[in-house]
Amino acid sequence: MQTPAGLLLITKGAPESVLAVCTEAWAGGSIVDLDAADRLHCQQTYQAFGAQGLRAIGVATRLMPAEESCSVEAEQKMTLQGFLAFVDPPLPDVGATLEAMRADGVVVKILSGDDALVARHVCA
C-alpha cells in the first residue's frame, strides 16, 4: 500500500511468527517498544484464544521507503497491530460420526496444522 511516507508493509500469520519480527506494538493508542513482559503478555493472549478453540493470526505493519522491495527479508522491525481471532467450530454431527466409526472398529487419529491448544479444544 502506497502512503505519503512510502510503502506500508503488512504481514500476517501465526502469532508466534509475527511476534518474532516485531520490535514495537500499538498499546493504549500509541506505539510502544516491546519488552520481555509485553512479549509474554502477547503470548498469553493468543494462547488464551487457542485454549477457547479460537484460531488466531497476528498482524503487523512497517512503513518502508518506496525504493525498498517487499520481501520476506523486509519483515523486520515491525509494529504489532494485534491478533485476529475467529471461531471455526466442528460440524454439529461430528460426535455421532466419530461414535459410528468407533462402533465399526475405526481408530481415529488426529493430524492438524492448527495450534495444539485449538486442536485440543476442538477434540474435547
PDB file of N, CA and C in Angstrom:
ATOM      1  N   MET A   1       0.848  -1.172   0.000  1.00  0.00           N
ATOM      2  CA  MET A   1       0.000   0.000   0.000  1.00  0.00           C
ATOM      3  C   MET A   1       0.892   1.233   0.000  1.00  0.00           C
ATOM      4  N   GLN A   2       0.703   2.117  -0.940  1.00  0.00           N
ATOM      5  CA  GLN A   2       1.489   3.344  -1.040  1.00  0.00           C
ATOM      6  C   GLN A   2       0.917   4.391  -0.086  1.00  0.00           C
ATOM      7  N   THR A   3       1.775   5.002   0.706  1.00  0.00           N
ATOM      8  CA  THR A   3       1.385   6.092   1.598  1.00  0.00           C
ATOM      9  C   THR A   3       2.261   7.293   1.260  1.00  0.00           C
ATOM     10  N   PRO A   4       1.929   8.487   1.762  1.00  0.00           N
ATOM     11  CA  PRO A   4       2.804   9.642   1.514  1.00  0.00           C
ATOM     12  C   PRO A   4       4.226   9.415   2.048  1.00  0.00           C
ATOM     13  N   ALA A   5       4.367   8.556   3.065  1.00  0.00           N
ATOM     14  CA  ALA A   5       5.684   8.302   3.655  1.00  0.00           C
ATOM     15  C   ALA A   5       6.414   7.144   2.986  1.00  0.00           C
ATOM     16  N   GLY A   6       5.806   6.484   2.022  1.00  0.00           N
ATOM     17  CA  GLY A   6       6.426   5.342   1.366  1.00  0.00           C
ATOM     18  C   GLY A   6       5.440   4.203   1.237  1.00  0.00           C
ATOM     19  N   LEU A   7       5.916   2.986   1.470  1.00  0.00           N
ATOM     20  CA  LEU A   7       5.068   1.800   1.380  1.00  0.00           C
ATOM     21  C   LEU A   7       4.686   1.316   2.776  1.00  0.00           C
ATOM     22  N   LEU A   8       3.491   0.796   2.882  1.00  0.00           N
ATOM     23  CA  LEU A   8       3.062   0.169   4.129  1.00  0.00           C
ATOM     24  C   LEU A   8       3.125  -1.330   3.920  1.00  0.00           C
ATOM     25  N   LEU A   9       4.070  -1.966   4.577  1.00  0.00           N
ATOM     26  CA  LEU A   9       4.201  -3.414   4.522  1.00  0.00           C
ATOM     27  C   LEU A   9       3.300  -3.997   5.596  1.00  0.00           C
ATOM     28  N   ILE A  10       2.448  -4.912   5.217  1.00  0.00           N
ATOM     29  CA  ILE A  10       1.538  -5.574   6.148  1.00  0.00           C
ATOM     30  C   ILE A  10       1.848  -7.061   6.110  1.00  0.00           C
ATOM     31  N   THR A  11       2.029  -7.646   7.276  1.00  0.00           N
ATOM     32  CA  THR A  11       2.260  -9.082   7.339  1.00  0.00           C
ATOM     33  C   THR A  11       1.263  -9.697   8.301  1.00  0.00           C
ATOM     34  N   LYS A  12       0.915 -10.946   8.027  1.00  0.00           N
ATOM     35  CA  LYS A  12       0.010 -11.677   8.905  1.00  0.00           C
ATOM     36  C   LYS A  12       0.437 -13.127   8.904  1.00  0.00           C
ATOM     37  N   GLY A  13       0.106 -13.815   9.986  1.00  0.00           N
ATOM     38  CA  GLY A  13       0.451 -15.222  10.065  1.00  0.00           C
ATOM     39  C   GLY A  13       0.327 -15.752  11.469  1.00  0.00           C
ATOM     40  N   ALA A  14       0.978 -16.879  11.703  1.00  0.00           N
ATOM     41  CA  ALA A  14       0.950 -17.490  13.027  1.00  0.00           C
ATOM     42  C   ALA A  14       1.418 -16.460  14.056  1.00  0.00           C
ATOM     43  N   PRO A  15       0.681 -16.320  15.165  1.00  0.00           N
ATOM     44  CA  PRO A  15       1.019 -15.279  16.132  1.00  0.00           C
ATOM     45  C   PRO A  15       2.480 -15.283  16.576  1.00  0.00           C
ATOM     46  N   GLU A  16       3.031 -16.477  16.829  1.00  0.00           N
ATOM     47  CA  GLU A  16       4.410 -16.533  17.308  1.00  0.00           C
ATOM     48  C   GLU A  16       5.398 -16.075  16.234  1.00  0.00           C
ATOM     49  N   SER A  17       5.096 -16.333  14.974  1.00  0.00           N
ATOM     50  CA  SER A  17       5.967 -15.903  13.875  1.00  0.00           C
ATOM     51  C   SER A  17       5.898 -14.397  13.672  1.00  0.00           C
ATOM     52  N   VAL A  18       4.709 -13.848  13.740  1.00  0.00           N
ATOM     53  CA  VAL A  18       4.543 -12.403  13.569  1.00  0.00           C
ATOM     54  C   VAL A  18       5.194 -11.677  14.747  1.00  0.00           C
ATOM     55  N   LEU A  19       4.940 -12.143  15.951  1.00  0.00           N
ATOM     56  CA  LEU A  19       5.516 -11.504  17.134  1.00  0.00           C
ATOM     57  C   LEU A  19       7.046 -11.499  17.068  1.00  0.00           C
ATOM     58  N   ALA A  20       7.622 -12.546  16.511  1.00  0.00           N
ATOM     59  CA  ALA A  20       9.083 -12.669  16.432  1.00  0.00           C
ATOM     60  C   ALA A  20       9.732 -11.568  15.582  1.00  0.00           C
ATOM     61  N   VAL A  21       9.000 -10.981  14.628  1.00  0.00           N
ATOM     62  CA  VAL A  21       9.573  -9.945  13.771  1.00  0.00           C
ATOM     63  C   VAL A  21       9.198  -8.541  14.225  1.00  0.00           C
ATOM     64  N   CYS A  22       8.531  -8.431  15.375  1.00  0.00           N
ATOM     65  CA  CYS A  22       8.090  -7.128  15.872  1.00  0.00           C
ATOM     66  C   CYS A  22       9.025  -6.601  16.957  1.00  0.00           C
ATOM     67  N   THR A  23       9.273  -5.309  16.891  1.00  0.00           N
ATOM     68  CA  THR A  23      10.057  -4.635  17.920  1.00  0.00           C
ATOM     69  C   THR A  23       9.206  -3.658  18.726  1.00  0.00           C
ATOM     70  N   GLU A  24       7.995  -3.398  18.228  1.00  0.00           N
ATOM     71  CA  GLU A  24       7.087  -2.482  18.914  1.00  0.00           C
ATOM     72  C   GLU A  24       5.645  -2.910  18.665  1.00  0.00           C
ATOM     73  N   ALA A  25       4.732  -2.260  19.391  1.00  0.00           N
ATOM     74  CA  ALA A  25       3.316  -2.626  19.278  1.00  0.00           C
ATOM     75  C   ALA A  25       2.444  -1.418  19.601  1.00  0.00           C
ATOM     76  N   TRP A  26       1.223  -1.474  19.083  1.00  0.00           N
ATOM     77  CA  TRP A  26       0.212  -0.489  19.460  1.00  0.00           C
ATOM     78  C   TRP A  26      -0.308  -0.871  20.835  1.00  0.00           C
ATOM     79  N   ALA A  27      -0.352   0.085  21.738  1.00  0.00           N
ATOM     80  CA  ALA A  27      -0.893  -0.149  23.083  1.00  0.00           C
ATOM     81  C   ALA A  27      -1.424   1.170  23.623  1.00  0.00           C
ATOM     82  N   GLY A  28      -2.659   1.178  24.003  1.00  0.00           N
ATOM     83  CA  GLY A  28      -3.247   2.383  24.577  1.00  0.00           C
ATOM     84  C   GLY A  28      -3.252   3.578  23.646  1.00  0.00           C
ATOM     85  N   GLY A  29      -3.338   3.321  22.343  1.00  0.00           N
ATOM     86  CA  GLY A  29      -3.413   4.414  21.377  1.00  0.00           C
ATOM     87  C   GLY A  29      -2.069   4.966  20.934  1.00  0.00           C
ATOM     88  N   SER A  30      -0.975   4.349  21.353  1.00  0.00           N
ATOM     89  CA  SER A  30       0.339   4.796  20.907  1.00  0.00           C
ATOM     90  C   SER A  30       1.244   3.590  20.672  1.00  0.00           C
ATOM     91  N   ILE A  31       2.370   3.842  20.036  1.00  0.00           N
ATOM     92  CA  ILE A  31       3.333   2.771  19.755  1.00  0.00           C
ATOM     93  C   ILE A  31       4.329   2.699  20.911  1.00  0.00           C
ATOM     94  N   VAL A  32       4.533   1.476  21.395  1.00  0.00           N
ATOM     95  CA  VAL A  32       5.485   1.251  22.492  1.00  0.00           C
ATOM     96  C   VAL A  32       6.483   0.171  22.070  1.00  0.00           C
ATOM     97  N   ASP A  33       7.684   0.254  22.631  1.00  0.00           N
ATOM     98  CA  ASP A  33       8.673  -0.797  22.402  1.00  0.00           C
ATOM     99  C   ASP A  33       8.212  -2.065  23.096  1.00  0.00           C
ATOM    100  N   LEU A  34       8.438  -3.197  22.455  1.00  0.00           N
ATOM    101  CA  LEU A  34       8.077  -4.490  23.045  1.00  0.00           C
ATOM    102  C   LEU A  34       9.221  -4.970  23.935  1.00  0.00           C
ATOM    103  N   ASP A  35       8.936  -5.150  25.209  1.00  0.00           N
ATOM    104  CA  ASP A  35       9.937  -5.729  26.100  1.00  0.00           C
ATOM    105  C   ASP A  35       9.528  -7.174  26.417  1.00  0.00           C
ATOM    106  N   ALA A  36      10.306  -7.844  27.228  1.00  0.00           N
ATOM    107  CA  ALA A  36      10.048  -9.258  27.539  1.00  0.00           C
ATOM    108  C   ALA A  36       8.668  -9.452  28.170  1.00  0.00           C
ATOM    109  N   ALA A  37       8.274  -8.539  29.058  1.00  0.00           N
ATOM    110  CA  ALA A  37       6.965  -8.652  29.708  1.00  0.00           C
ATOM    111  C   ALA A  37       5.835  -8.491  28.693  1.00  0.00           C
ATOM    112  N   ASP A  38       6.002  -7.557  27.753  1.00  0.00           N
ATOM    113  CA  ASP A  38       4.985  -7.357  26.705  1.00  0.00           C
ATOM    114  C   ASP A  38       4.873  -8.593  25.822  1.00  0.00           C
ATOM    115  N   ARG A  39       6.013  -9.173  25.469  1.00  0.00           N
ATOM    116  CA  ARG A  39       6.010 -10.374  24.630  1.00  0.00           C
ATOM    117  C   ARG A  39       5.304 -11.528  25.344  1.00  0.00           C
ATOM    118  N   LEU A  40       5.558 -11.662  26.635  1.00  0.00           N
ATOM    119  CA  LEU A  40       4.887 -12.709  27.415  1.00  0.00           C
ATOM    120  C   LEU A  40       3.385 -12.459  27.436  1.00  0.00           C
ATOM    121  N   HIS A  41       2.975 -11.209  27.621  1.00  0.00           N
ATOM    122  CA  HIS A  41       1.547 -10.867  27.630  1.00  0.00           C
ATOM    123  C   HIS A  41       0.909 -11.208  26.277  1.00  0.00           C
ATOM    124  N   CYS A  42       1.600 -10.882  25.180  1.00  0.00           N
ATOM    125  CA  CYS A  42       1.088 -11.214  23.842  1.00  0.00           C
ATOM    126  C   CYS A  42       0.952 -12.723  23.686  1.00  0.00           C
ATOM    127  N   GLN A  43       1.962 -13.455  24.123  1.00  0.00           N
ATOM    128  CA  GLN A  43       1.934 -14.914  24.026  1.00  0.00           C
ATOM    129  C   GLN A  43       0.760 -15.477  24.824  1.00  0.00           C
ATOM    130  N   GLN A  44       0.560 -14.979  26.023  1.00  0.00           N
ATOM    131  CA  GLN A  44      -0.548 -15.446  26.851  1.00  0.00           C
ATOM    132  C   GLN A  44      -1.885 -15.112  26.205  1.00  0.00           C
ATOM    133  N   THR A  45      -1.962 -13.986  25.511  1.00  0.00           N
ATOM    134  CA  THR A  45      -3.201 -13.581  24.843  1.00  0.00           C
ATOM    135  C   THR A  45      -3.568 -14.564  23.741  1.00  0.00           C
ATOM    136  N   TYR A  46      -2.631 -14.855  22.825  1.00  0.00           N
ATOM    137  CA  TYR A  46      -3.003 -15.758  21.731  1.00  0.00           C
ATOM    138  C   TYR A  46      -3.131 -17.196  22.205  1.00  0.00           C
ATOM    139  N   GLN A  47      -2.438 -17.575  23.265  1.00  0.00           N
ATOM    140  CA  GLN A  47      -2.627 -18.915  23.817  1.00  0.00           C
ATOM    141  C   GLN A  47      -4.007 -19.042  24.474  1.00  0.00           C
ATOM    142  N   ALA A  48      -4.480 -17.969  25.093  1.00  0.00           N
ATOM    143  CA  ALA A  48      -5.827 -17.985  25.684  1.00  0.00           C
ATOM    144  C   ALA A  48      -6.882 -18.144  24.593  1.00  0.00           C
ATOM    145  N   PHE A  49      -6.668 -17.505  23.448  1.00  0.00           N
ATOM    146  CA  PHE A  49      -7.584 -17.708  22.322  1.00  0.00           C
ATOM    147  C   PHE A  49      -7.619 -19.186  21.944  1.00  0.00           C
ATOM    148  N   GLY A  50      -6.453 -19.790  21.800  1.00  0.00           N
ATOM    149  CA  GLY A  50      -6.370 -21.195  21.420  1.00  0.00           C
ATOM    150  C   GLY A  50      -7.043 -22.108  22.424  1.00  0.00           C
ATOM    151  N   ALA A  51      -6.880 -21.829  23.712  1.00  0.00           N
ATOM    152  CA  ALA A  51      -7.500 -22.650  24.752  1.00  0.00           C
ATOM    153  C   ALA A  51      -9.024 -22.593  24.681  1.00  0.00           C
ATOM    154  N   GLN A  52      -9.559 -21.518  24.074  1.00  0.00           N
ATOM    155  CA  GLN A  52     -11.003 -21.387  23.897  1.00  0.00           C
ATOM    156  C   GLN A  52     -11.458 -21.946  22.545  1.00  0.00           C
ATOM    157  N   GLY A  53     -10.523 -22.513  21.800  1.00  0.00           N
ATOM    158  CA  GLY A  53     -10.862 -23.069  20.493  1.00  0.00           C
ATOM    159  C   GLY A  53     -10.863 -22.045  19.380  1.00  0.00           C
ATOM    160  N   LEU A  54     -10.367 -20.845  19.650  1.00  0.00           N
ATOM    161  CA  LEU A  54     -10.322 -19.805  18.622  1.00  0.00           C
ATOM    162  C   LEU A  54      -8.992 -19.866  17.884  1.00  0.00           C
ATOM    163  N   ARG A  55      -9.053 -19.788  16.583  1.00  0.00           N
ATOM    164  CA  ARG A  55      -7.831 -19.706  15.792  1.00  0.00           C
ATOM    165  C   ARG A  55      -7.402 -18.239  15.780  1.00  0.00           C
ATOM    166  N   ALA A  56      -6.105 -17.998  15.839  1.00  0.00           N
ATOM    167  CA  ALA A  56      -5.610 -16.624  15.887  1.00  0.00           C
ATOM    168  C   ALA A  56      -4.506 -16.424  14.863  1.00  0.00           C
ATOM    169  N   ILE A  57      -4.475 -15.219  14.310  1.00  0.00           N
ATOM    170  CA  ILE A  57      -3.354 -14.814  13.479  1.00  0.00           C
ATOM    171  C   ILE A  57      -2.886 -13.452  13.972  1.00  0.00           C
ATOM    172  N   GLY A  58      -1.601 -13.219  13.839  1.00  0.00           N
ATOM    173  CA  GLY A  58      -1.039 -11.924  14.203  1.00  0.00           C
ATOM    174  C   GLY A  58      -0.982 -11.034  12.973  1.00  0.00           C
ATOM    175  N   VAL A  59      -1.057  -9.718  13.213  1.00  0.00           N
ATOM    176  CA  VAL A  59      -0.970  -8.740  12.133  1.00  0.00           C
ATOM    177  C   VAL A  59       0.028  -7.669  12.557  1.00  0.00           C
ATOM    178  N   ALA A  60       0.964  -7.357  11.655  1.00  0.00           N
ATOM    179  CA  ALA A  60       1.973  -6.334  11.939  1.00  0.00           C
ATOM    180  C   ALA A  60       2.201  -5.487  10.693  1.00  0.00           C
ATOM    181  N   THR A  61       2.725  -4.277  10.907  1.00  0.00           N
ATOM    182  CA  THR A  61       2.979  -3.354   9.800  1.00  0.00           C
ATOM    183  C   THR A  61       4.341  -2.688   9.974  1.00  0.00           C
ATOM    184  N   ARG A  62       4.806  -2.120   8.873  1.00  0.00           N
ATOM    185  CA  ARG A  62       6.025  -1.305   8.902  1.00  0.00           C
ATOM    186  C   ARG A  62       5.998  -0.366   7.715  1.00  0.00           C
ATOM    187  N   LEU A  63       6.255   0.920   7.972  1.00  0.00           N
ATOM    188  CA  LEU A  63       6.435   1.869   6.878  1.00  0.00           C
ATOM    189  C   LEU A  63       7.832   1.665   6.330  1.00  0.00           C
ATOM    190  N   MET A  64       7.945   1.606   5.019  1.00  0.00           N
ATOM    191  CA  MET A  64       9.256   1.413   4.414  1.00  0.00           C
ATOM    192  C   MET A  64       9.392   2.333   3.207  1.00  0.00           C
ATOM    193  N   PRO A  65      10.616   2.699   2.885  1.00  0.00           N
ATOM    194  CA  PRO A  65      10.822   3.574   1.725  1.00  0.00           C
ATOM    195  C   PRO A  65      10.299   2.919   0.448  1.00  0.00           C
ATOM    196  N   ALA A  66       9.809   3.733  -0.469  1.00  0.00           N
ATOM    197  CA  ALA A  66       9.240   3.228  -1.720  1.00  0.00           C
ATOM    198  C   ALA A  66      10.258   2.431  -2.527  1.00  0.00           C
ATOM    199  N   GLU A  67      11.538   2.753  -2.378  1.00  0.00           N
ATOM    200  CA  GLU A  67      12.556   2.043  -3.167  1.00  0.00           C
ATOM    201  C   GLU A  67      12.928   0.686  -2.575  1.00  0.00           C
ATOM    202  N   GLU A  68      12.514   0.409  -1.340  1.00  0.00           N
ATOM    203  CA  GLU A  68      12.783  -0.905  -0.736  1.00  0.00           C
ATOM    204  C   GLU A  68      11.778  -1.907  -1.293  1.00  0.00           C
ATOM    205  N   SER A  69      12.241  -3.094  -1.602  1.00  0.00           N
ATOM    206  CA  SER A  69      11.327  -4.083  -2.179  1.00  0.00           C
ATOM    207  C   SER A  69      10.648  -4.891  -1.078  1.00  0.00           C
ATOM    208  N   CYS A  70       9.410  -5.250  -1.343  1.00  0.00           N
ATOM    209  CA  CYS A  70       8.662  -6.098  -0.416  1.00  0.00           C
ATOM    210  C   CYS A  70       9.188  -7.521  -0.542  1.00  0.00           C
ATOM    211  N   SER A  71       9.576  -8.092   0.581  1.00  0.00           N
ATOM    212  CA  SER A  71      10.107  -9.446   0.580  1.00  0.00           C
ATOM    213  C   SER A  71      10.017  -9.985   2.002  1.00  0.00           C
ATOM    214  N   VAL A  72      10.288 -11.262   2.141  1.00  0.00           N
ATOM    215  CA  VAL A  72      10.313 -11.862   3.475  1.00  0.00           C
ATOM    216  C   VAL A  72      11.375 -11.172   4.320  1.00  0.00           C
ATOM    217  N   GLU A  73      12.498 -10.820   3.701  1.00  0.00           N
ATOM    218  CA  GLU A  73      13.570 -10.147   4.425  1.00  0.00           C
ATOM    219  C   GLU A  73      13.142  -8.778   4.950  1.00  0.00           C
ATOM    220  N   ALA A  74      12.165  -8.158   4.311  1.00  0.00           N
ATOM    221  CA  ALA A  74      11.675  -6.843   4.752  1.00  0.00           C
ATOM    222  C   ALA A  74      10.820  -6.954   6.015  1.00  0.00           C
ATOM    223  N   GLU A  75      10.403  -8.156   6.347  1.00  0.00           N
ATOM    224  CA  GLU A  75       9.575  -8.362   7.537  1.00  0.00           C
ATOM    225  C   GLU A  75      10.466  -8.361   8.773  1.00  0.00           C
ATOM    226  N   GLN A  76      10.820  -7.173   9.218  1.00  0.00           N
ATOM    227  CA  GLN A  76      11.654  -6.989  10.389  1.00  0.00           C
ATOM    228  C   GLN A  76      11.334  -5.628  10.995  1.00  0.00           C
ATOM    229  N   LYS A  77      11.629  -5.476  12.263  1.00  0.00           N
ATOM    230  CA  LYS A  77      11.382  -4.213  12.971  1.00  0.00           C
ATOM    231  C   LYS A  77       9.964  -3.716  12.720  1.00  0.00           C
ATOM    232  N   MET A  78       9.015  -4.637  12.849  1.00  0.00           N
ATOM    233  CA  MET A  78       7.621  -4.328  12.556  1.00  0.00           C
ATOM    234  C   MET A  78       6.877  -3.903  13.818  1.00  0.00           C
ATOM    235  N   THR A  79       5.703  -3.329  13.608  1.00  0.00           N
ATOM    236  CA  THR A  79       4.831  -2.909  14.703  1.00  0.00           C
ATOM    237  C   THR A  79       3.654  -3.873  14.778  1.00  0.00           C
ATOM    238  N   LEU A  80       3.532  -4.549  15.910  1.00  0.00           N
ATOM    239  CA  LEU A  80       2.405  -5.455  16.105  1.00  0.00           C
ATOM    240  C   LEU A  80       1.124  -4.641  16.191  1.00  0.00           C
ATOM    241  N   GLN A  81       0.190  -4.951  15.302  1.00  0.00           N
ATOM    242  CA  GLN A  81      -1.104  -4.270  15.324  1.00  0.00           C
ATOM    243  C   GLN A  81      -2.092  -5.014  16.220  1.00  0.00           C
ATOM    244  N   GLY A  82      -1.919  -6.316  16.325  1.00  0.00           N
ATOM    245  CA  GLY A  82      -2.814  -7.094  17.181  1.00  0.00           C
ATOM    246  C   GLY A  82      -3.029  -8.491  16.630  1.00  0.00           C
ATOM    247  N   PHE A  83      -4.033  -9.143  17.173  1.00  0.00           N
ATOM    248  CA  PHE A  83      -4.365 -10.502  16.781  1.00  0.00           C
ATOM    249  C   PHE A  83      -5.809 -10.548  16.297  1.00  0.00           C
ATOM    250  N   LEU A  84      -6.039 -11.347  15.284  1.00  0.00           N
ATOM    251  CA  LEU A  84      -7.393 -11.628  14.822  1.00  0.00           C
ATOM    252  C   LEU A  84      -7.731 -13.026  15.325  1.00  0.00           C
ATOM    253  N   ALA A  85      -8.841 -13.154  15.988  1.00  0.00           N
ATOM    254  CA  ALA A  85      -9.269 -14.461  16.492  1.00  0.00           C
ATOM    255  C   ALA A  85     -10.614 -14.793  15.868  1.00  0.00           C
ATOM    256  N   PHE A  86     -10.748 -16.030  15.432  1.00  0.00           N
ATOM    257  CA  PHE A  86     -12.009 -16.421  14.819  1.00  0.00           C
ATOM    258  C   PHE A  86     -12.341 -17.854  15.184  1.00  0.00           C
ATOM    259  N   VAL A  87     -13.615 -18.129  15.147  1.00  0.00           N
ATOM    260  CA  VAL A  87     -14.109 -19.449  15.512  1.00  0.00           C
ATOM    261  C   VAL A  87     -14.398 -20.253  14.247  1.00  0.00           C
ATOM    262  N   ASP A  88     -14.056 -21.507  14.293  1.00  0.00           N
ATOM    263  CA  ASP A  88     -14.327 -22.430  13.192  1.00  0.00           C
ATOM    264  C   ASP A  88     -14.762 -23.738  13.850  1.00  0.00           C
ATOM    265  N   PRO A  89     -16.009 -23.771  14.335  1.00  0.00           N
ATOM    266  CA  PRO A  89     -16.437 -24.930  15.123  1.00  0.00           C
ATOM    267  C   PRO A  89     -16.570 -26.197  14.289  1.00  0.00           C
ATOM    268  N   PRO A  90     -16.425 -27.350  14.953  1.00  0.00           N
ATOM    269  CA  PRO A  90     -16.658 -28.604  14.242  1.00  0.00           C
ATOM    270  C   PRO A  90     -18.132 -28.706  13.826  1.00  0.00           C
ATOM    271  N   LEU A  91     -18.406 -29.517  12.829  1.00  0.00           N
ATOM    272  CA  LEU A  91     -19.786 -29.725  12.403  1.00  0.00           C
ATOM    273  C   LEU A  91     -20.601 -30.303  13.557  1.00  0.00           C
ATOM    274  N   PRO A  92     -21.879 -29.956  13.662  1.00  0.00           N
ATOM    275  CA  PRO A  92     -22.697 -30.389  14.801  1.00  0.00           C
ATOM    276  C   PRO A  92     -22.798 -31.906  14.962  1.00  0.00           C
ATOM    277  N   ASP A  93     -22.721 -32.647  13.855  1.00  0.00           N
ATOM    278  CA  ASP A  93     -22.909 -34.091  13.937  1.00  0.00           C
ATOM    279  C   ASP A  93     -21.598 -34.876  14.015  1.00  0.00           C
ATOM    280  N   VAL A  94     -20.485 -34.190  14.251  1.00  0.00           N
ATOM    281  CA  VAL A  94     -19.201 -34.877  14.247  1.00  0.00           C
ATOM    282  C   VAL A  94     -19.098 -35.914  15.367  1.00  0.00           C
ATOM    283  N   GLY A  95     -19.706 -35.642  16.530  1.00  0.00           N
ATOM    284  CA  GLY A  95     -19.678 -36.605  17.633  1.00  0.00           C
ATOM    285  C   GLY A  95     -20.329 -37.922  17.248  1.00  0.00           C
ATOM    286  N   ALA A  96     -21.487 -37.823  16.612  1.00  0.00           N
ATOM    287  CA  ALA A  96     -22.195 -39.032  16.183  1.00  0.00           C
ATOM    288  C   ALA A  96     -21.397 -39.778  15.108  1.00  0.00           C
ATOM    289  N   THR A  97     -20.776 -39.029  14.215  1.00  0.00           N
ATOM    290  CA  THR A  97     -19.969 -39.650  13.169  1.00  0.00           C
ATOM    291  C   THR A  97     -18.783 -40.394  13.773  1.00  0.00           C
ATOM    292  N   LEU A  98     -18.102 -39.763  14.715  1.00  0.00           N
ATOM    293  CA  LEU A  98     -16.962 -40.414  15.369  1.00  0.00           C
ATOM    294  C   LEU A  98     -17.405 -41.661  16.132  1.00  0.00           C
ATOM    295  N   GLU A  99     -18.544 -41.581  16.782  1.00  0.00           N
ATOM    296  CA  GLU A  99     -19.059 -42.740  17.525  1.00  0.00           C
ATOM    297  C   GLU A  99     -19.394 -43.888  16.575  1.00  0.00           C
ATOM    298  N   ALA A 100     -19.997 -43.582  15.441  1.00  0.00           N
ATOM    299  CA  ALA A 100     -20.326 -44.623  14.454  1.00  0.00           C
ATOM    300  C   ALA A 100     -19.047 -45.265  13.911  1.00  0.00           C
ATOM    301  N   MET A 101     -18.028 -44.466  13.695  1.00  0.00           N
ATOM    302  CA  MET A 101     -16.754 -45.005  13.225  1.00  0.00           C
ATOM    303  C   MET A 101     -16.131 -45.920  14.286  1.00  0.00           C
ATOM    304  N   ARG A 102     -16.200 -45.487  15.549  1.00  0.00           N
ATOM    305  CA  ARG A 102     -15.655 -46.296  16.636  1.00  0.00           C
ATOM    306  C   ARG A 102     -16.384 -47.630  16.708  1.00  0.00           C
ATOM    307  N   ALA A 103     -17.711 -47.588  16.565  1.00  0.00           N
ATOM    308  CA  ALA A 103     -18.514 -48.814  16.598  1.00  0.00           C
ATOM    309  C   ALA A 103     -18.153 -49.760  15.450  1.00  0.00           C
ATOM    310  N   ASP A 104     -17.700 -49.203  14.348  1.00  0.00           N
ATOM    311  CA  ASP A 104     -17.284 -50.017  13.196  1.00  0.00           C
ATOM    312  C   ASP A 104     -15.824 -50.451  13.285  1.00  0.00           C
ATOM    313  N   GLY A 105     -15.170 -50.127  14.407  1.00  0.00           N
ATOM    314  CA  GLY A 105     -13.784 -50.549  14.605  1.00  0.00           C
ATOM    315  C   GLY A 105     -12.733 -49.619  14.029  1.00  0.00           C
ATOM    316  N   VAL A 106     -13.142 -48.434  13.615  1.00  0.00           N
ATOM    317  CA  VAL A 106     -12.184 -47.475  13.064  1.00  0.00           C
ATOM    318  C   VAL A 106     -11.528 -46.716  14.219  1.00  0.00           C
ATOM    319  N   VAL A 107     -10.212 -46.684  14.213  1.00  0.00           N
ATOM    320  CA  VAL A 107      -9.465 -45.911  15.205  1.00  0.00           C
ATOM    321  C   VAL A 107      -9.128 -44.565  14.569  1.00  0.00           C
ATOM    322  N   VAL A 108      -9.574 -43.505  15.205  1.00  0.00           N
ATOM    323  CA  VAL A 108      -9.378 -42.163  14.659  1.00  0.00           C
ATOM    324  C   VAL A 108      -8.104 -41.564  15.244  1.00  0.00           C
ATOM    325  N   LYS A 109      -7.281 -41.022  14.382  1.00  0.00           N
ATOM    326  CA  LYS A 109      -6.080 -40.292  14.781  1.00  0.00           C
ATOM    327  C   LYS A 109      -6.213 -38.890  14.201  1.00  0.00           C
ATOM    328  N   ILE A 110      -5.801 -37.920  14.957  1.00  0.00           N
ATOM    329  CA  ILE A 110      -5.954 -36.532  14.545  1.00  0.00           C
ATOM    330  C   ILE A 110      -4.601 -35.969  14.112  1.00  0.00           C
ATOM    331  N   LEU A 111      -4.548 -35.443  12.908  1.00  0.00           N
ATOM    332  CA  LEU A 111      -3.402 -34.685  12.415  1.00  0.00           C
ATOM    333  C   LEU A 111      -3.932 -33.294  12.105  1.00  0.00           C
ATOM    334  N   SER A 112      -3.281 -32.288  12.641  1.00  0.00           N
ATOM    335  CA  SER A 112      -3.795 -30.936  12.454  1.00  0.00           C
ATOM    336  C   SER A 112      -2.660 -29.942  12.291  1.00  0.00           C
ATOM    337  N   GLY A 113      -2.889 -28.976  11.453  1.00  0.00           N
ATOM    338  CA  GLY A 113      -1.954 -27.865  11.315  1.00  0.00           C
ATOM    339  C   GLY A 113      -2.300 -26.744  12.276  1.00  0.00           C
ATOM    340  N   ASP A 114      -3.378 -26.931  13.031  1.00  0.00           N
ATOM    341  CA  ASP A 114      -3.791 -25.914  13.997  1.00  0.00           C
ATOM    342  C   ASP A 114      -2.847 -25.871  15.179  1.00  0.00           C
ATOM    343  N   ASP A 115      -2.928 -24.788  15.901  1.00  0.00           N
ATOM    344  CA  ASP A 115      -2.242 -24.658  17.178  1.00  0.00           C
ATOM    345  C   ASP A 115      -2.683 -25.818  18.074  1.00  0.00           C
ATOM    346  N   ALA A 116      -1.779 -26.358  18.861  1.00  0.00           N
ATOM    347  CA  ALA A 116      -2.093 -27.506  19.709  1.00  0.00           C
ATOM    348  C   ALA A 116      -3.242 -27.210  20.669  1.00  0.00           C
ATOM    349  N   LEU A 117      -3.320 -25.988  21.197  1.00  0.00           N
ATOM    350  CA  LEU A 117      -4.413 -25.640  22.109  1.00  0.00           C
ATOM    351  C   LEU A 117      -5.754 -25.651  21.402  1.00  0.00           C
ATOM    352  N   VAL A 118      -5.776 -25.168  20.167  1.00  0.00           N
ATOM    353  CA  VAL A 118      -7.023 -25.171  19.378  1.00  0.00           C
ATOM    354  C   VAL A 118      -7.447 -26.618  19.118  1.00  0.00           C
ATOM    355  N   ALA A 119      -6.510 -27.440  18.660  1.00  0.00           N
ATOM    356  CA  ALA A 119      -6.825 -28.834  18.357  1.00  0.00           C
ATOM    357  C   ALA A 119      -7.331 -29.559  19.594  1.00  0.00           C
ATOM    358  N   ARG A 120      -6.705 -29.336  20.741  1.00  0.00           N
ATOM    359  CA  ARG A 120      -7.140 -29.966  21.975  1.00  0.00           C
ATOM    360  C   ARG A 120      -8.574 -29.569  22.327  1.00  0.00           C
ATOM    361  N   HIS A 121      -8.880 -28.281  22.178  1.00  0.00           N
ATOM    362  CA  HIS A 121     -10.223 -27.785  22.484  1.00  0.00           C
ATOM    363  C   HIS A 121     -11.258 -28.409  21.536  1.00  0.00           C
ATOM    364  N   VAL A 122     -10.953 -28.424  20.243  1.00  0.00           N
ATOM    365  CA  VAL A 122     -11.891 -28.963  19.259  1.00  0.00           C
ATOM    366  C   VAL A 122     -12.127 -30.449  19.500  1.00  0.00           C
ATOM    367  N   CYS A 123     -11.065 -31.184  19.804  1.00  0.00           N
ATOM    368  CA  CYS A 123     -11.198 -32.623  20.036  1.00  0.00           C
ATOM    369  C   CYS A 123     -11.996 -32.924  21.309  1.00  0.00           C
ATOM    370  N   ALA A 124     -11.920 -32.037  22.282  1.00  0.00           N
ATOM    371  CA  ALA A 124     -12.684 -32.244  23.519  1.00  0.00           C
ATOM    372  C   ALA A 124     -14.161 -32.108  23.238  1.00  0.00           C
TER     373      ALA A 124
END
